[in-house]
Amino acid sequence: FWADSNGATAPNFFGFVNQGGVFTTVNNPGTPGTAPATNQLLGLNDAGPGGDTMAAGFYVDGGGNMQAYIYDVNTKSFTAVNPSGATQAAASGINNSGLISGFATVGGATEGFLDNAGTFTFFEAPGSTNTQFLGVNNAGWAVGFYVDAANALHGLIYNVSNGTFVTLDDPNGIGTTTFNGVNDKGQITGFYVDGNGNTIGLLATATP
């Protein structure tokens, strides 16, 4: 996504897709006749079940709530992702079988979710105050983070096939680790914050 210069403290955010150097701005219309000031694409697959490339993201509606969607890059069409009981939701990734990762606020708690053709699985790490899935691969691994009772962040790897999970911290960023992407080789991207407050990217390989 990119931000315009509409005010230093309140820019507008727009999703985009880059195909061969050609950029297309993506802005879910949300409520008819309006254009949300915040719109982000967070994940992209190779091709969906119908053969089209799909992206996952969210926009913020007029009430200040996040609304999840997937975007068909070929047809430039939007499909809402509506976790049951959620007041806010964001879609963060989609794999080639159409499995969508994301997070949602349900009953006041933020939980990670997986959407398999409209069937939702929610996950909240034990002791967590905030759990989010930020990416999913074709092998069925979802990655993200959770926040514990002490407000520390820990990287999270979830095995979709059996519901098992592991949590990991970068050795240099205990309590400040976030995973936000995973490829089909099991390589995980993310970041942590060091003791000087610097945000540092990381690459990890793990087997949940």
Protein backbone atom coordinates (compact mmCIF):
# COMPACT_ATOMS: atom_id res chain seq x y z
CA PHE A 1 0.00 0.00 0.00
CA TRP A 2 1.04 3.63 -0.37
CA ALA A 3 0.10 6.89 1.35
CA ASP A 4 -0.61 10.26 -0.24
CA SER A 5 0.34 13.67 1.14
CA ASN A 6 -3.14 14.66 2.28
CA GLY A 7 -1.96 16.07 5.59
CA ALA A 8 1.15 14.99 7.46
CA THR A 9 -0.85 13.48 10.31
CA ALA A 10 -3.75 12.01 8.32
CA PRO A 11 -2.70 10.71 4.91
CA ASN A 12 -4.91 8.47 2.80
CA PHE A 13 -3.71 4.88 2.33
CA PHE A 14 -4.30 2.99 -0.93
CA GLY A 15 -3.64 -0.60 -1.91
CA PHE A 16 -1.77 -1.28 -5.13
CA VAL A 17 -0.76 -4.12 -7.45
CA ASN A 18 2.41 -4.01 -9.56
CA GLN A 19 2.32 -6.18 -12.70
CA GLY A 20 5.48 -5.94 -14.76
CA GLY A 21 6.15 -2.41 -13.59
CA VAL A 22 2.56 -1.28 -14.17
CA PHE A 23 0.97 -0.06 -10.93
CA THR A 24 -2.78 -0.28 -10.34
CA THR A 25 -4.23 1.50 -7.32
CA VAL A 26 -6.75 -0.63 -5.45
CA ASN A 27 -9.39 1.09 -3.34
CA ASN A 28 -12.36 -0.96 -2.19
CA PRO A 29 -15.40 1.29 -2.65
CA GLY A 30 -16.84 0.12 0.69
CA THR A 31 -20.09 2.02 1.11
CA PRO A 32 -21.42 2.99 -2.34
CA GLY A 33 -20.47 6.51 -3.28
CA THR A 34 -17.55 6.74 -0.87
CA ALA A 35 -13.83 5.96 -1.01
CA PRO A 36 -12.25 4.83 2.27
CA ALA A 37 -9.26 6.84 3.46
CA THR A 38 -7.51 3.64 4.55
CA ASN A 39 -7.21 0.69 2.19
CA GLN A 40 -4.37 -1.86 2.29
CA LEU A 41 -3.42 -5.04 0.44
CA LEU A 42 -1.34 -7.37 2.64
CA GLY A 43 -0.95 -10.65 0.72
CA LEU A 44 -1.02 -12.19 -2.76
CA ASN A 45 -1.19 -15.73 -4.15
CA ASP A 46 -0.01 -17.27 -7.44
CA ALA A 47 -3.50 -18.20 -8.65
CA GLY A 48 -6.81 -18.93 -6.98
CA PRO A 49 -9.17 -21.88 -7.51
CA GLY A 50 -10.61 -20.15 -10.58
CA GLY A 51 -7.19 -19.47 -12.07
CA ASP A 52 -7.10 -15.78 -11.15
CA THR A 53 -4.48 -14.16 -8.94
CA MET A 54 -6.02 -13.05 -5.65
CA ALA A 55 -4.92 -10.47 -3.08
CA ALA A 56 -6.07 -10.08 0.53
CA GLY A 57 -6.57 -6.85 2.43
CA PHE A 58 -8.92 -4.55 4.27
CA TYR A 59 -10.38 -1.06 4.30
CA VAL A 60 -11.62 1.14 7.14
CA ASP A 61 -15.30 2.04 6.91
CA GLY A 62 -17.00 5.28 7.91
CA GLY A 63 -17.40 4.02 11.46
CA GLY A 64 -13.68 3.43 11.86
CA ASN A 65 -13.95 -0.37 11.63
CA MET A 66 -11.70 -2.59 9.51
CA GLN A 67 -13.51 -4.63 6.84
CA ALA A 68 -11.72 -7.62 5.28
CA TYR A 69 -11.85 -8.53 1.60
CA ILE A 70 -10.11 -10.39 -1.20
CA TYR A 71 -9.39 -8.75 -4.55
CA ASP A 72 -9.30 -10.50 -7.92
CA VAL A 73 -6.34 -8.96 -9.75
CA ASN A 74 -7.60 -10.08 -13.18
CA THR A 75 -11.23 -8.95 -12.93
CA LYS A 76 -10.53 -6.09 -10.49
CA SER A 77 -13.43 -7.22 -8.32
CA PHE A 78 -13.84 -7.36 -4.54
CA THR A 79 -15.33 -10.06 -2.32
CA ALA A 80 -16.06 -9.36 1.34
CA VAL A 81 -14.62 -11.66 4.01
CA ASN A 82 -17.03 -11.70 6.96
CA PRO A 83 -15.98 -13.69 10.04
CA SER A 84 -19.08 -14.48 12.09
CA GLY A 85 -19.52 -12.19 15.08
CA ALA A 86 -16.60 -9.94 14.17
CA THR A 87 -16.83 -6.18 14.61
CA GLN A 88 -13.54 -5.63 12.78
CA ALA A 89 -11.55 -7.87 10.44
CA ALA A 90 -8.54 -7.77 8.14
CA ALA A 91 -7.49 -10.38 5.57
CA SER A 92 -3.71 -10.66 5.49
CA GLY A 93 -2.88 -13.54 3.13
CA ILE A 94 -4.32 -16.07 0.69
CA ASN A 95 -2.78 -19.26 -0.71
CA ASN A 96 -3.35 -20.96 -4.05
CA SER A 97 -6.22 -23.10 -2.74
CA GLY A 98 -8.04 -19.95 -1.61
CA LEU A 99 -7.35 -20.36 2.14
CA ILE A 100 -7.41 -16.88 3.67
CA SER A 101 -5.52 -15.79 6.78
CA GLY A 102 -6.32 -12.76 8.87
CA PHE A 103 -7.40 -11.44 12.23
CA ALA A 104 -10.64 -10.16 13.69
CA THR A 105 -12.12 -8.61 16.80
CA VAL A 106 -14.69 -11.00 18.24
CA GLY A 107 -16.32 -10.33 21.58
CA GLY A 108 -13.72 -7.70 22.41
CA ALA A 109 -10.72 -9.99 21.74
CA THR A 110 -8.47 -9.97 18.68
CA GLU A 111 -8.04 -13.49 17.27
CA GLY A 112 -6.35 -14.96 14.23
CA PHE A 113 -8.64 -16.59 11.68
CA LEU A 114 -8.48 -18.89 8.68
CA ASP A 115 -11.25 -18.82 6.08
CA ASN A 116 -11.65 -21.99 4.03
CA ALA A 117 -14.39 -21.28 1.48
CA GLY A 118 -16.50 -19.50 4.08
CA THR A 119 -15.78 -21.88 6.98
CA PHE A 120 -13.87 -19.96 9.65
CA THR A 121 -11.40 -21.31 12.19
CA PHE A 122 -10.43 -18.90 14.97
CA PHE A 123 -7.26 -19.17 17.04
CA GLU A 124 -6.13 -17.38 20.17
CA ALA A 125 -2.75 -18.27 21.68
CA PRO A 126 -2.99 -19.30 25.34
CA GLY A 127 -2.62 -16.27 27.59
CA SER A 128 -2.84 -13.93 24.61
CA THR A 129 -4.44 -10.50 24.61
CA ASN A 130 -4.05 -10.17 20.83
CA THR A 131 -3.39 -12.93 18.25
CA GLN A 132 -3.00 -12.21 14.53
CA PHE A 133 -2.28 -14.35 11.47
CA LEU A 134 -0.35 -12.28 8.91
CA GLY A 135 0.39 -14.84 6.17
CA VAL A 136 -0.30 -18.37 4.96
CA ASN A 137 1.54 -20.65 2.50
CA ASN A 138 0.44 -23.47 0.20
CA ALA A 139 1.63 -26.09 2.69
CA GLY A 140 -0.92 -24.84 5.22
CA TRP A 141 1.29 -22.92 7.62
CA ALA A 142 -0.06 -19.66 8.99
CA VAL A 143 2.32 -17.20 10.65
CA GLY A 144 1.81 -14.14 12.79
CA PHE A 145 2.28 -13.06 16.38
CA TYR A 146 0.56 -12.87 19.71
CA VAL A 147 0.79 -10.45 22.63
CA ASP A 148 1.06 -11.95 26.11
CA ALA A 149 -0.21 -10.60 29.44
CA ALA A 150 3.06 -8.69 29.94
CA ASN A 151 2.51 -6.94 26.56
CA ALA A 152 5.40 -8.84 24.94
CA LEU A 153 5.17 -9.95 21.27
CA HIS A 154 6.07 -13.46 20.16
CA GLY A 155 6.29 -14.97 16.66
CA LEU A 156 3.66 -17.63 15.93
CA ILE A 157 3.58 -20.58 13.50
CA TYR A 158 0.29 -22.49 13.16
CA ASN A 159 -0.16 -25.80 11.32
CA VAL A 160 -3.55 -25.61 9.60
CA SER A 161 -3.83 -29.37 9.02
CA ASN A 162 -3.77 -30.39 12.68
CA GLY A 163 -4.17 -27.20 14.70
CA THR A 164 -0.77 -27.41 16.39
CA PHE A 165 1.40 -24.34 16.85
CA VAL A 166 4.76 -23.15 18.10
CA THR A 167 5.93 -19.74 19.27
CA LEU A 168 9.39 -18.38 18.58
CA ASP A 169 11.35 -15.25 19.39
CA ASP A 170 14.35 -14.00 17.49
CA PRO A 171 17.26 -14.45 19.94
CA ASN A 172 18.00 -10.74 19.55
CA GLY A 173 14.40 -9.69 20.03
CA ILE A 174 12.89 -11.64 22.92
CA GLY A 175 9.39 -10.29 23.47
CA THR A 176 9.43 -8.09 20.35
CA THR A 177 9.16 -10.62 17.51
CA THR A 178 6.58 -10.59 14.70
CA PHE A 179 6.31 -13.02 11.74
CA ASN A 180 4.47 -11.60 8.72
CA GLY A 181 5.21 -13.91 5.77
CA VAL A 182 6.02 -17.54 4.93
CA ASN A 183 6.90 -19.23 1.63
CA ASP A 184 6.47 -22.85 0.53
CA LYS A 185 10.02 -23.72 1.67
CA GLY A 186 9.11 -22.82 5.24
CA GLN A 187 11.19 -19.64 5.24
CA ILE A 188 9.58 -17.01 7.44
CA THR A 189 10.00 -13.24 7.24
CA GLY A 190 9.37 -10.80 10.04
CA PHE A 191 10.99 -8.28 12.32
CA TYR A 192 11.93 -7.53 15.91
CA VAL A 193 12.86 -4.47 17.96
CA ASP A 194 16.31 -4.36 19.54
CA GLY A 195 17.33 -2.82 22.87
CA ASN A 196 17.89 0.56 21.21
CA GLY A 197 14.40 0.70 19.74
CA ASN A 198 15.49 -0.16 16.19
CA THR A 199 13.19 -2.32 14.05
CA ILE A 200 15.21 -5.05 12.32
CA GLY A 201 14.06 -7.51 9.64
CA LEU A 202 14.54 -11.23 10.14
CA LEU A 203 14.48 -14.47 8.15
CA ALA A 204 13.80 -17.73 10.00
CA THR A 205 13.28 -21.36 9.03
CA ALA A 206 11.21 -23.55 11.34
CA THR A 207 9.11 -26.72 11.36
CA PRO A 208 5.92 -26.49 13.43
